C-alpha atoms as a PDB file:
ATOM      1  CA  MET A   1      -4.065 -16.579  23.448  1.00  0.00           C
ATOM      2  CA  TYR A   2      -3.652 -19.783  21.151  1.00  0.00           C
ATOM      3  CA  HIS A   3      -6.575 -21.442  19.798  1.00  0.00           C
ATOM      4  CA  PRO A   4      -6.480 -25.288  20.311  1.00  0.00           C
ATOM      5  CA  THR A   5      -6.291 -25.861  16.287  1.00  0.00           C
ATOM      6  CA  THR A   6      -3.485 -23.620  16.099  1.00  0.00           C
ATOM      7  CA  ARG A   7      -1.591 -25.521  18.976  1.00  0.00           C
ATOM      8  CA  VAL A   8      -2.347 -28.799  17.181  1.00  0.00           C
ATOM      9  CA  LEU A   9      -0.402 -27.496  13.972  1.00  0.00           C
ATOM     10  CA  ALA A  10       2.102 -26.001  16.158  1.00  0.00           C
ATOM     11  CA  VAL A  11       2.896 -29.633  17.547  1.00  0.00           C
ATOM     12  CA  LEU A  12       3.329 -30.735  13.994  1.00  0.00           C
ATOM     13  CA  GLU A  13       5.460 -27.935  12.949  1.00  0.00           C
ATOM     14  CA  LEU A  14       7.852 -28.782  16.256  1.00  0.00           C
ATOM     15  CA  LEU A  15       7.874 -32.436  15.167  1.00  0.00           C
ATOM     16  CA  GLN A  16       8.851 -31.378  11.590  1.00  0.00           C
ATOM     17  CA  THR A  17      11.691 -28.761  12.667  1.00  0.00           C
ATOM     18  CA  HIS A  18      13.082 -30.978  15.403  1.00  0.00           C
ATOM     19  CA  GLY A  19      12.479 -34.539  14.301  1.00  0.00           C
ATOM     20  CA  ARG A  20      11.980 -35.860  17.976  1.00  0.00           C
ATOM     21  CA  MET A  21      11.118 -33.938  21.189  1.00  0.00           C
ATOM     22  CA  SER A  22      10.353 -34.810  24.755  1.00  0.00           C
ATOM     23  CA  GLY A  23       6.768 -34.490  25.998  1.00  0.00           C
ATOM     24  CA  ALA A  24       8.220 -31.884  28.690  1.00  0.00           C
ATOM     25  CA  ASP A  25       9.831 -29.926  26.272  1.00  0.00           C
ATOM     26  CA  MET A  26       6.863 -29.833  23.732  1.00  0.00           C
ATOM     27  CA  ALA A  27       4.357 -29.016  26.297  1.00  0.00           C
ATOM     28  CA  GLY A  28       6.772 -26.230  27.862  1.00  0.00           C
ATOM     29  CA  ARG A  29       6.748 -24.660  24.489  1.00  0.00           C
ATOM     30  CA  LEU A  30       3.357 -24.677  23.974  1.00  0.00           C
ATOM     31  CA  GLN A  31       2.429 -23.773  27.455  1.00  0.00           C
ATOM     32  CA  VAL A  32       0.036 -26.673  28.371  1.00  0.00           C
ATOM     33  CA  ASP A  33       0.169 -29.720  30.573  1.00  0.00           C
ATOM     34  CA  GLY A  34       1.047 -32.927  29.593  1.00  0.00           C
ATOM     35  CA  ARG A  35      -2.315 -34.285  29.390  1.00  0.00           C
ATOM     36  CA  THR A  36      -3.386 -31.671  27.091  1.00  0.00           C
ATOM     37  CA  LEU A  37      -0.312 -32.454  25.006  1.00  0.00           C
ATOM     38  CA  ARG A  38      -1.310 -36.178  24.479  1.00  0.00           C
ATOM     39  CA  ARG A  39      -4.646 -35.132  23.609  1.00  0.00           C
ATOM     40  CA  TYR A  40      -3.018 -33.001  20.633  1.00  0.00           C
ATOM     41  CA  ILE A  41      -1.044 -36.177  19.566  1.00  0.00           C
ATOM     42  CA  VAL A  42      -4.024 -38.037  19.507  1.00  0.00           C
ATOM     43  CA  MET A  43      -5.929 -35.420  17.246  1.00  0.00           C
ATOM     44  CA  LEU A  44      -2.767 -35.566  14.877  1.00  0.00           C
ATOM     45  CA  GLU A  45      -2.855 -39.304  14.603  1.00  0.00           C
ATOM     46  CA  GLN A  46      -6.739 -39.150  13.804  1.00  0.00           C
ATOM     47  CA  ILE A  47      -6.149 -37.108  10.687  1.00  0.00           C
ATOM     48  CA  GLY A  48      -3.558 -39.826   9.331  1.00  0.00           C
ATOM     49  CA  ILE A  49      -0.168 -38.192  10.788  1.00  0.00           C
ATOM     50  CA  PRO A  50       2.003 -41.155  11.833  1.00  0.00           C
ATOM     51  CA  ILE A  51       3.697 -40.402  15.204  1.00  0.00           C
ATOM     52  CA  THR A  52       5.919 -42.696  17.259  1.00  0.00           C
ATOM     53  CA  THR A  53       5.840 -42.395  21.051  1.00  0.00           C
ATOM     54  CA  GLU A  54       8.646 -43.423  23.393  1.00  0.00           C
ATOM     55  CA  ARG A  55       7.564 -43.923  26.908  1.00  0.00           C
ATOM     56  CA  GLY A  56       9.723 -43.645  29.994  1.00  0.00           C
ATOM     57  CA  ARG A  57      12.008 -41.035  31.487  1.00  0.00           C
ATOM     58  CA  HIS A  58      13.754 -40.061  28.348  1.00  0.00           C
ATOM     59  CA  GLY A  59      10.940 -40.712  26.132  1.00  0.00           C
ATOM     60  CA  GLY A  60       9.414 -38.337  23.370  1.00  0.00           C
ATOM     61  CA  TYR A  61       7.528 -38.113  20.139  1.00  0.00           C
ATOM     62  CA  ALA A  62       8.556 -38.113  16.767  1.00  0.00           C
ATOM     63  CA  LEU A  63       7.093 -38.425  13.260  1.00  0.00           C
ATOM     64  CA  MET A  64       7.528 -41.668  11.644  1.00  0.00           C
ATOM     65  CA  PRO A  65      10.674 -42.023   9.766  1.00  0.00           C
ATOM     66  CA  GLY A  66      10.422 -41.314   6.149  1.00  0.00           C
ATOM     67  CA  PHE A  67       7.108 -39.345   6.413  1.00  0.00           C
ATOM     68  CA  LYS A  68       6.777 -35.944   4.877  1.00  0.00           C
ATOM     69  CA  LEU A  69       3.666 -33.770   4.358  1.00  0.00           C
ATOM     70  CA  PRO A  70       3.042 -32.980   0.684  1.00  0.00           C
ATOM     71  CA  PRO A  71       4.098 -29.780  -0.392  1.00  0.00           C
ATOM     72  CA  MET A  72       1.619 -26.900  -0.245  1.00  0.00           C
ATOM     73  CA  MET A  73       1.017 -25.838  -3.817  1.00  0.00           C
ATOM     74  CA  PHE A  74      -0.340 -22.629  -5.163  1.00  0.00           C
ATOM     75  CA  THR A  75      -1.683 -21.414  -8.378  1.00  0.00           C
ATOM     76  CA  ASP A  76      -0.076 -18.021  -9.427  1.00  0.00           C
ATOM     77  CA  ASP A  77      -3.273 -16.172  -8.802  1.00  0.00           C
ATOM     78  CA  GLU A  78      -3.365 -17.762  -5.250  1.00  0.00           C
ATOM     79  CA  ALA A  79       0.225 -16.653  -4.492  1.00  0.00           C
ATOM     80  CA  LEU A  80      -0.637 -13.420  -5.831  1.00  0.00           C
ATOM     81  CA  ALA A  81      -3.582 -13.281  -3.601  1.00  0.00           C
ATOM     82  CA  LEU A  82      -1.690 -14.135  -0.396  1.00  0.00           C
ATOM     83  CA  SER A  83       1.008 -11.926  -1.055  1.00  0.00           C
ATOM     84  CA  LEU A  84      -1.257  -9.023  -1.475  1.00  0.00           C
ATOM     85  CA  GLY A  85      -3.491  -9.921   1.453  1.00  0.00           C
ATOM     86  CA  LEU A  86      -0.291  -9.820   3.540  1.00  0.00           C
ATOM     87  CA  LEU A  87       0.988  -6.595   2.057  1.00  0.00           C
ATOM     88  CA  ALA A  88      -2.563  -5.004   2.884  1.00  0.00           C
ATOM     89  CA  ALA A  89      -2.399  -6.503   6.583  1.00  0.00           C
ATOM     90  CA  ARG A  90       0.956  -4.921   6.918  1.00  0.00           C
ATOM     91  CA  GLY A  91      -0.430  -1.586   5.771  1.00  0.00           C
ATOM     92  CA  LEU A  92      -3.071  -1.373   8.112  1.00  0.00           C
ATOM     93  CA  GLY A  93      -0.503  -0.596  10.937  1.00  0.00           C
ATOM     94  CA  LEU A  94      -1.754  -3.049  13.667  1.00  0.00           C
ATOM     95  CA  ALA A  95       0.942  -3.587  15.980  1.00  0.00           C
ATOM     96  CA  GLU A  96      -0.259  -7.183  17.017  1.00  0.00           C
ATOM     97  CA  ALA A  97      -0.470  -8.289  13.464  1.00  0.00           C
ATOM     98  CA  ALA A  98       3.119  -7.378  12.321  1.00  0.00           C
ATOM     99  CA  PRO A  99       4.710 -10.803  13.825  1.00  0.00           C
ATOM    100  CA  ALA A 100       1.868 -12.943  12.360  1.00  0.00           C
ATOM    101  CA  VAL A 101       2.489 -11.377   8.822  1.00  0.00           C
ATOM    102  CA  ALA A 102       6.145 -11.792   8.997  1.00  0.00           C
ATOM    103  CA  SER A 103       5.875 -15.261  10.262  1.00  0.00           C
ATOM    104  CA  ALA A 104       3.115 -16.429   7.710  1.00  0.00           C
ATOM    105  CA  GLN A 105       5.225 -14.545   4.984  1.00  0.00           C
ATOM    106  CA  ALA A 106       8.374 -16.514   5.915  1.00  0.00           C
ATOM    107  CA  LYS A 107       6.416 -19.956   5.958  1.00  0.00           C
ATOM    108  CA  LEU A 108       5.115 -19.253   2.533  1.00  0.00           C
ATOM    109  CA  GLU A 109       8.487 -18.473   1.153  1.00  0.00           C
ATOM    110  CA  ARG A 110       9.885 -21.824   2.805  1.00  0.00           C
ATOM    111  CA  ILE A 111       7.212 -24.111   0.694  1.00  0.00           C
ATOM    112  CA  MET A 112       7.026 -21.901  -2.488  1.00  0.00           C
ATOM    113  CA  PRO A 113       9.307 -22.956  -5.627  1.00  0.00           C
ATOM    114  CA  ALA A 114      11.914 -20.537  -6.545  1.00  0.00           C
ATOM    115  CA  GLY A 115      10.101 -18.902  -9.554  1.00  0.00           C
ATOM    116  CA  LEU A 116       6.875 -18.327  -7.405  1.00  0.00           C
ATOM    117  CA  ARG A 117       8.827 -17.119  -4.425  1.00  0.00           C
ATOM    118  CA  GLN A 118      10.547 -14.461  -6.595  1.00  0.00           C
ATOM    119  CA  ARG A 119       7.404 -13.050  -8.063  1.00  0.00           C
ATOM    120  CA  VAL A 120       5.775 -12.872  -4.443  1.00  0.00           C
ATOM    121  CA  GLY A 121       8.888 -11.078  -3.184  1.00  0.00           C
ATOM    122  CA  ALA A 122       8.863  -8.579  -6.014  1.00  0.00           C
ATOM    123  CA  ILE A 123       5.291  -7.632  -5.057  1.00  0.00           C
ATOM    124  CA  ASP A 124       6.218  -6.959  -1.445  1.00  0.00           C
ATOM    125  CA  GLU A 125       9.109  -4.903  -2.667  1.00  0.00           C
ATOM    126  CA  THR A 126       7.437  -2.766  -5.515  1.00  0.00           C
ATOM    127  CA  VAL A 127       3.742  -2.473  -4.718  1.00  0.00           C
ATOM    128  CA  ARG A 128       2.187   0.116  -2.812  1.00  0.00           C
ATOM    129  CA  LEU A 129      -1.435   0.134  -1.621  1.00  0.00           C
ATOM    130  CA  ASP A 130      -3.923   3.074  -0.687  1.00  0.00           C
ATOM    131  CA  LEU A 131      -6.756   1.179   0.824  1.00  0.00           C
ATOM    132  CA  ARG A 132      -8.650   4.369   1.001  1.00  0.00           C
ATOM    133  CA  THR A 133     -11.153   4.207  -2.068  1.00  0.00           C
ATOM    134  CA  GLY A 134     -13.313   7.228  -2.270  1.00  0.00           C
ATOM    135  CA  PRO A 135     -17.158   6.880  -2.589  1.00  0.00           C
ATOM    136  CA  GLY A 136     -18.504   6.129  -6.082  1.00  0.00           C
ATOM    137  CA  GLN A 137     -15.285   5.092  -7.299  1.00  0.00           C
ATOM    138  CA  ALA A 138     -15.729   1.489  -8.676  1.00  0.00           C
ATOM    139  CA  GLY A 139     -12.609   0.027  -9.914  1.00  0.00           C
ATOM    140  CA  ALA A 140     -11.860  -1.989 -12.909  1.00  0.00           C
ATOM    141  CA  GLU A 141     -10.967  -5.672 -12.742  1.00  0.00           C
ATOM    142  CA  PRO A 142      -7.169  -5.961 -12.286  1.00  0.00           C
ATOM    143  CA  ASN A 143      -4.927  -7.499 -14.737  1.00  0.00           C
ATOM    144  CA  ASN A 144      -2.997 -10.361 -12.535  1.00  0.00           C
ATOM    145  CA  ALA A 145      -0.420 -11.341 -15.408  1.00  0.00           C
ATOM    146  CA  ALA A 146       0.399  -7.640 -15.850  1.00  0.00           C
ATOM    147  CA  LEU A 147       0.718  -6.835 -12.021  1.00  0.00           C
ATOM    148  CA  SER A 148       3.162 -10.071 -11.625  1.00  0.00           C
ATOM    149  CA  ALA A 149       5.247  -9.396 -14.694  1.00  0.00           C
ATOM    150  CA  LEU A 150       5.739  -5.597 -13.836  1.00  0.00           C
ATOM    151  CA  SER A 151       6.428  -6.146 -10.143  1.00  0.00           C
ATOM    152  CA  VAL A 152       9.241  -8.779 -11.296  1.00  0.00           C
ATOM    153  CA  ALA A 153      10.786  -6.269 -13.788  1.00  0.00           C
ATOM    154  CA  ALA A 154      10.439  -3.264 -11.300  1.00  0.00           C
ATOM    155  CA  LYS A 155      12.330  -5.275  -8.620  1.00  0.00           C
ATOM    156  CA  ALA A 156      15.047  -6.466 -11.155  1.00  0.00           C
ATOM    157  CA  ARG A 157      15.401  -2.853 -12.755  1.00  0.00           C
ATOM    158  CA  ARG A 158      14.784  -4.525 -16.162  1.00  0.00           C
ATOM    159  CA  ARG A 159      12.779  -2.725 -19.043  1.00  0.00           C
ATOM    160  CA  VAL A 160       9.738  -4.128 -20.581  1.00  0.00           C
ATOM    161  CA  HIS A 161       7.744  -3.632 -23.893  1.00  0.00           C
ATOM    162  CA  LEU A 162       4.103  -2.505 -23.208  1.00  0.00           C
ATOM    163  CA  ARG A 163       0.972  -2.884 -25.494  1.00  0.00           C
ATOM    164  CA  TYR A 164      -1.523  -0.782 -24.116  1.00  0.00           C
ATOM    165  CA  ARG A 165      -5.134   0.161 -24.871  1.00  0.00           C
ATOM    166  CA  ALA A 166      -6.561   3.718 -24.027  1.00  0.00           C
ATOM    167  CA  GLY A 167      -9.559   5.530 -25.839  1.00  0.00           C
ATOM    168  CA  GLY A 168     -10.189   2.676 -28.194  1.00  0.00           C
ATOM    169  CA  ALA A 169      -6.434   2.782 -29.507  1.00  0.00           C
ATOM    170  CA  ASP A 170      -3.669   0.451 -29.085  1.00  0.00           C
ATOM    171  CA  THR A 171      -0.290   1.351 -28.727  1.00  0.00           C
ATOM    172  CA  GLU A 172       3.267  -0.045 -27.840  1.00  0.00           C
ATOM    173  CA  ARG A 173       6.112   1.505 -26.153  1.00  0.00           C
ATOM    174  CA  ASP A 174       9.368   0.172 -24.008  1.00  0.00           C
ATOM    175  CA  PHE A 175       8.981   1.042 -20.289  1.00  0.00           C
ATOM    176  CA  ASP A 176      10.988   1.400 -17.523  1.00  0.00           C
ATOM    177  CA  PRO A 177       8.659   0.313 -14.320  1.00  0.00           C
ATOM    178  CA  TYR A 178       9.635   2.270 -11.396  1.00  0.00           C
ATOM    179  CA  GLY A 179       6.824   0.740  -9.114  1.00  0.00           C
ATOM    180  CA  LEU A 180       3.169  -0.046  -8.959  1.00  0.00           C
ATOM    181  CA  ALA A 181       0.417   1.257  -6.959  1.00  0.00           C
ATOM    182  CA  TYR A 182      -3.290   0.483  -5.894  1.00  0.00           C
ATOM    183  CA  TYR A 183      -5.100   3.736  -5.550  1.00  0.00           C
ATOM    184  CA  ALA A 184      -8.723   5.040  -5.496  1.00  0.00           C
ATOM    185  CA  GLY A 185      -9.978   1.613  -7.119  1.00  0.00           C
ATOM    186  CA  TYR A 186      -7.670   1.188  -9.434  1.00  0.00           C
ATOM    187  CA  TRP A 187      -4.114  -0.227 -10.177  1.00  0.00           C
ATOM    188  CA  TYR A 188      -1.304   1.699 -11.846  1.00  0.00           C
ATOM    189  CA  THR A 189       2.229   1.525 -12.714  1.00  0.00           C
ATOM    190  CA  VAL A 190       4.375   4.333 -13.061  1.00  0.00           C
ATOM    191  CA  GLY A 191       7.730   4.800 -14.838  1.00  0.00           C
ATOM    192  CA  HIS A 192       9.543   5.886 -17.794  1.00  0.00           C
ATOM    193  CA  CYS A 193       7.829   5.693 -21.032  1.00  0.00           C
ATOM    194  CA  TYR A 194      10.215   5.762 -24.034  1.00  0.00           C
ATOM    195  CA  LEU A 195       7.168   6.618 -26.742  1.00  0.00           C
ATOM    196  CA  ARG A 196       6.583   9.847 -24.787  1.00  0.00           C
ATOM    197  CA  ARG A 197      10.146  10.478 -23.515  1.00  0.00           C
ATOM    198  CA  ASP A 198       8.846  11.176 -20.005  1.00  0.00           C
ATOM    199  CA  LEU A 199       7.241   9.796 -16.689  1.00  0.00           C
ATOM    200  CA  ARG A 200       4.038   8.341 -17.506  1.00  0.00           C
ATOM    201  CA  THR A 201       1.423   6.431 -15.450  1.00  0.00           C
ATOM    202  CA  PHE A 202      -0.564   3.479 -16.836  1.00  0.00           C
ATOM    203  CA  ARG A 203      -3.742   1.588 -15.544  1.00  0.00           C
ATOM    204  CA  LEU A 204      -3.160  -2.044 -15.375  1.00  0.00           C
ATOM    205  CA  ASP A 205      -6.568  -2.865 -16.573  1.00  0.00           C
ATOM    206  CA  ARG A 206      -5.647  -1.413 -19.865  1.00  0.00           C
ATOM    207  CA  VAL A 207      -2.476  -3.365 -20.364  1.00  0.00           C
ATOM    208  CA  LEU A 208      -2.720  -5.735 -23.158  1.00  0.00           C
ATOM    209  CA  ALA A 209       0.703  -7.302 -22.893  1.00  0.00           C
ATOM    210  CA  VAL A 210       4.182  -7.057 -20.933  1.00  0.00           C
ATOM    211  CA  GLU A 211       7.214  -8.409 -22.665  1.00  0.00           C
ATOM    212  CA  PRO A 212      10.862  -8.512 -21.695  1.00  0.00           C
ATOM    213  CA  ALA A 213      12.764  -5.797 -23.498  1.00  0.00           C
ATOM    214  CA  ASP A 214      16.387  -5.134 -23.568  1.00  0.00           C
ATOM    215  CA  GLY A 215      18.141  -2.773 -21.104  1.00  0.00           C
ATOM    216  CA  GLY A 216      17.857  -1.899 -17.578  1.00  0.00           C
ATOM    217  CA  PHE A 217      17.341   1.367 -15.657  1.00  0.00           C
ATOM    218  CA  THR A 218      18.275   3.109 -12.351  1.00  0.00           C
ATOM    219  CA  LEU A 219      15.418   3.989  -9.923  1.00  0.00           C
ATOM    220  CA  PRO A 220      15.340   7.810  -9.226  1.00  0.00           C
ATOM    221  CA  PRO A 221      16.234   8.521  -5.600  1.00  0.00           C
ATOM    222  CA  GLY A 222      13.393   8.336  -3.198  1.00  0.00           C
ATOM    223  CA  PHE A 223      10.711   7.546  -5.708  1.00  0.00           C
ATOM    224  CA  ASP A 224       7.400   6.771  -4.478  1.00  0.00           C
ATOM    225  CA  ALA A 225       4.981   5.406  -6.992  1.00  0.00           C
ATOM    226  CA  LEU A 226       1.952   6.023  -4.772  1.00  0.00           C
ATOM    227  CA  GLU A 227       2.964   9.418  -3.770  1.00  0.00           C
ATOM    228  CA  HIS A 228       3.568  10.271  -7.319  1.00  0.00           C
ATOM    229  CA  LEU A 229      -0.155   9.239  -8.248  1.00  0.00           C
ATOM    230  CA  ARG A 230      -1.643  11.208  -5.369  1.00  0.00           C
ATOM    231  CA  LEU A 231       0.220  14.538  -6.410  1.00  0.00           C
ATOM    232  CA  SER A 232      -0.534  13.668 -10.127  1.00  0.00           C
ATOM    233  CA  VAL A 233      -4.321  13.384  -9.450  1.00  0.00           C
ATOM    234  CA  ALA A 234      -4.392  16.583  -7.138  1.00  0.00           C
ATOM    235  CA  ALA A 235      -2.805  18.493  -9.953  1.00  0.00           C
ATOM    236  CA  LEU A 236      -5.075  17.354 -12.971  1.00  0.00           C
ATOM    237  CA  PRO A 237      -6.425  20.470 -14.463  1.00  0.00           C
ATOM    238  CA  ARG A 238     -10.161  21.095 -13.821  1.00  0.00           C
ATOM    239  CA  LYS A 239     -13.144  23.460 -14.215  1.00  0.00           C
ATOM    240  CA  PHE A 240     -11.571  25.841 -11.425  1.00  0.00           C
ATOM    241  CA  ALA A 241      -8.296  26.592 -10.097  1.00  0.00           C
ATOM    242  CA  ALA A 242      -8.282  27.474  -6.557  1.00  0.00           C
ATOM    243  CA  ARG A 243      -5.568  28.964  -4.045  1.00  0.00           C
ATOM    244  CA  ILE A 244      -6.273  28.837  -0.385  1.00  0.00           C
ATOM    245  CA  LEU A 245      -3.860  30.256   2.330  1.00  0.00           C
ATOM    246  CA  LEU A 246      -4.214  28.030   5.401  1.00  0.00           C
ATOM    247  CA  HIS A 247      -3.033  29.489   8.272  1.00  0.00           C
ATOM    248  CA  THR A 248      -1.235  26.779  10.015  1.00  0.00           C
ATOM    249  CA  ASP A 249       1.962  24.594   9.579  1.00  0.00           C
ATOM    250  CA  LEU A 250       2.721  21.986   6.760  1.00  0.00           C
ATOM    251  CA  ALA A 251       2.257  19.090   9.012  1.00  0.00           C
ATOM    252  CA  THR A 252      -0.945  20.055  10.407  1.00  0.00           C
ATOM    253  CA  ALA A 253      -2.393  20.915   6.841  1.00  0.00           C
ATOM    254  CA  ARG A 254      -1.524  17.206   5.526  1.00  0.00           C
ATOM    255  CA  CYS A 255      -2.788  15.646   8.895  1.00  0.00           C
ATOM    256  CA  SER A 256      -6.071  17.503   8.980  1.00  0.00           C
ATOM    257  CA  MET A 257      -7.109  17.071   5.074  1.00  0.00           C
ATOM    258  CA  MET A 258      -7.036  14.361   2.424  1.00  0.00           C
ATOM    259  CA  ASP A 259      -4.041  13.936   0.339  1.00  0.00           C
ATOM    260  CA  THR A 260      -6.183  14.179  -2.926  1.00  0.00           C
ATOM    261  CA  ILE A 261      -7.453  17.691  -2.078  1.00  0.00           C
ATOM    262  CA  GLY A 262      -4.455  19.638  -3.812  1.00  0.00           C
ATOM    263  CA  LEU A 263      -0.666  20.388  -3.433  1.00  0.00           C
ATOM    264  CA  PHE A 264       0.614  21.849  -0.238  1.00  0.00           C
ATOM    265  CA  GLU A 265       3.378  24.874  -0.363  1.00  0.00           C
ATOM    266  CA  GLN A 266       4.855  26.126   2.866  1.00  0.00           C
ATOM    267  CA  THR A 267       5.370  30.016   2.730  1.00  0.00           C
ATOM    268  CA  GLY A 268       6.000  32.727   5.311  1.00  0.00           C
ATOM    269  CA  ASP A 269       2.404  33.505   5.796  1.00  0.00           C
ATOM    270  CA  GLY A 270       1.296  29.889   6.402  1.00  0.00           C
ATOM    271  CA  VAL A 271       0.671  26.709   3.801  1.00  0.00           C
ATOM    272  CA  LEU A 272      -0.632  27.564   0.474  1.00  0.00           C
ATOM    273  CA  LEU A 273      -3.076  25.137  -0.846  1.00  0.00           C
ATOM    274  CA  HIS A 274      -3.263  24.737  -4.868  1.00  0.00           C
ATOM    275  CA  ASN A 275      -6.497  23.113  -5.809  1.00  0.00           C
ATOM    276  CA  GLN A 276      -8.183  22.018  -9.222  1.00  0.00           C
ATOM    277  CA  SER A 277     -11.783  21.450  -8.732  1.00  0.00           C
ATOM    278  CA  ASP A 278     -15.029  20.805 -11.044  1.00  0.00           C
ATOM    279  CA  GLU A 279     -17.409  21.501  -8.245  1.00  0.00           C
ATOM    280  CA  LEU A 280     -16.556  24.253  -5.489  1.00  0.00           C
ATOM    281  CA  GLY A 281     -19.343  23.168  -3.364  1.00  0.00           C
ATOM    282  CA  TRP A 282     -17.191  20.080  -2.242  1.00  0.00           C
ATOM    283  CA  LEU A 283     -14.280  22.027  -1.729  1.00  0.00           C
ATOM    284  CA  ALA A 284     -15.997  24.569   0.399  1.00  0.00           C
ATOM    285  CA  ARG A 285     -17.218  21.784   2.578  1.00  0.00           C
ATOM    286  CA  GLN A 286     -13.778  20.143   3.210  1.00  0.00           C
ATOM    287  CA  LEU A 287     -12.604  23.902   3.994  1.00  0.00           C
ATOM    288  CA  ALA A 288     -15.308  24.378   6.422  1.00  0.00           C
ATOM    289  CA  ALA A 289     -14.038  21.402   8.486  1.00  0.00           C
ATOM    290  CA  ALA A 290     -10.440  22.679   8.738  1.00  0.00           C
ATOM    291  CA  PRO A 291      -9.484  23.346  12.340  1.00  0.00           C
ATOM    292  CA  PHE A 292      -7.443  26.426  11.655  1.00  0.00           C
ATOM    293  CA  ASP A 293      -8.221  29.829   9.757  1.00  0.00           C
ATOM    294  CA  ILE A 294      -8.180  29.973   6.016  1.00  0.00           C
ATOM    295  CA  THR A 295      -7.967  32.827   3.610  1.00  0.00           C
ATOM    296  CA  VAL A 296      -9.386  32.340  -0.064  1.00  0.00           C
ATOM    297  CA  LEU A 297      -7.179  33.905  -2.405  1.00  0.00           C
ATOM    298  CA  GLU A 298      -8.827  32.411  -5.774  1.00  0.00           C
ATOM    299  CA  PRO A 299     -11.594  32.200  -7.339  1.00  0.00           C
ATOM    300  CA  PRO A 300     -14.242  34.410  -5.686  1.00  0.00           C
ATOM    301  CA  GLU A 301     -16.730  31.779  -6.646  1.00  0.00           C
ATOM    302  CA  LEU A 302     -15.207  29.984  -3.740  1.00  0.00           C
ATOM    303  CA  ARG A 303     -15.983  32.478  -1.321  1.00  0.00           C
ATOM    304  CA  ALA A 304     -19.701  32.459  -2.068  1.00  0.00           C
ATOM    305  CA  GLU A 305     -19.739  28.856  -1.663  1.00  0.00           C
ATOM    306  CA  LEU A 306     -18.320  29.037   1.745  1.00  0.00           C
ATOM    307  CA  GLY A 307     -20.899  31.643   2.559  1.00  0.00           C
ATOM    308  CA  ALA A 308     -23.637  29.226   1.416  1.00  0.00           C
ATOM    309  CA  VAL A 309     -22.075  26.697   3.967  1.00  0.00           C
ATOM    310  CA  ALA A 310     -21.833  29.080   6.575  1.00  0.00           C
ATOM    311  CA  ALA A 311     -25.594  30.063   6.210  1.00  0.00           C
ATOM    312  CA  ARG A 312     -26.483  26.592   6.444  1.00  0.00           C
ATOM    313  CA  LEU A 313     -24.311  25.999   9.595  1.00  0.00           C
ATOM    314  CA  LEU A 314     -25.888  28.890  11.019  1.00  0.00           C
ATOM    315  CA  ARG A 315     -29.381  27.676  10.516  1.00  0.00           C
ATOM    316  CA  ALA A 316     -28.663  24.604  11.961  1.00  0.00           C
ATOM    317  CA  ALA A 317     -27.304  26.357  15.096  1.00  0.00           C
ATOM    318  CA  GLY A 318     -30.568  28.365  15.397  1.00  0.00           C
ATOM    319  CA  ALA A 319     -28.927  31.442  14.880  1.00  0.00           C
ATOM    320  CA  ARG A 320     -30.861  34.423  13.137  1.00  0.00           C
END
């Protein structure tokens, strides 16, 4: 259902698009009666929009000749916020929101200057968002300039020169930005690092500068920056390396467990979960919630943690 204010703005958009329209045609498009349409016209006139009215059988409404609304101007940061907001809204998966997101994006692109429109389009094509921030994870302040520059370079497949600070040391390198992702409270870029001669991930809040460099690159087929981040985090070496056989299929395992719990491998006996953990109690609680049988292959300390979880649940159930 339209809100009255939305309909008033829709009247203005129709007049700007068509120049002149009959009252019947406009009322039909807005699904209102003639009296309501005239009220909307009066509301536009009260806020200073000059509208000419031609009465009679063939009459209609039109904006005063020569009148144009001033262009809507955005700063780079405002445009970045709008484009990320639309990207997040689309990522929520609400079917009702999809047409509104597409419409809003089209309107923004029409009024933005070419350079700003290119940066906004680059973000839409190269940035992936994971909005599920884990408990206790406080993200750092993002680097808006780095986000814009790297997304444009990623879309154009152009190499950049990065100045980066980590562990109190500043380094420089040429870098092919394959894509960008927001994950667990932080912004990252993933691509080929010419200093390390390998695929590397960099946090944007640690990027000091992004400058153009000579050369382009070809994106690896099917590369997904967010999926790469998830797998990299799951495979980080920690205090305990665990292997658990999940007696189910791969699709069910991935649907039932969080992405960061580890790497899943389909085998003839089920799904083998490879996990790296610093705290086996947390892993035991995650496994206890699985809707299928499991077999702990290693380490033996995980079996003891599962026993402790089982004992606590039995006490809660009143069993002796």
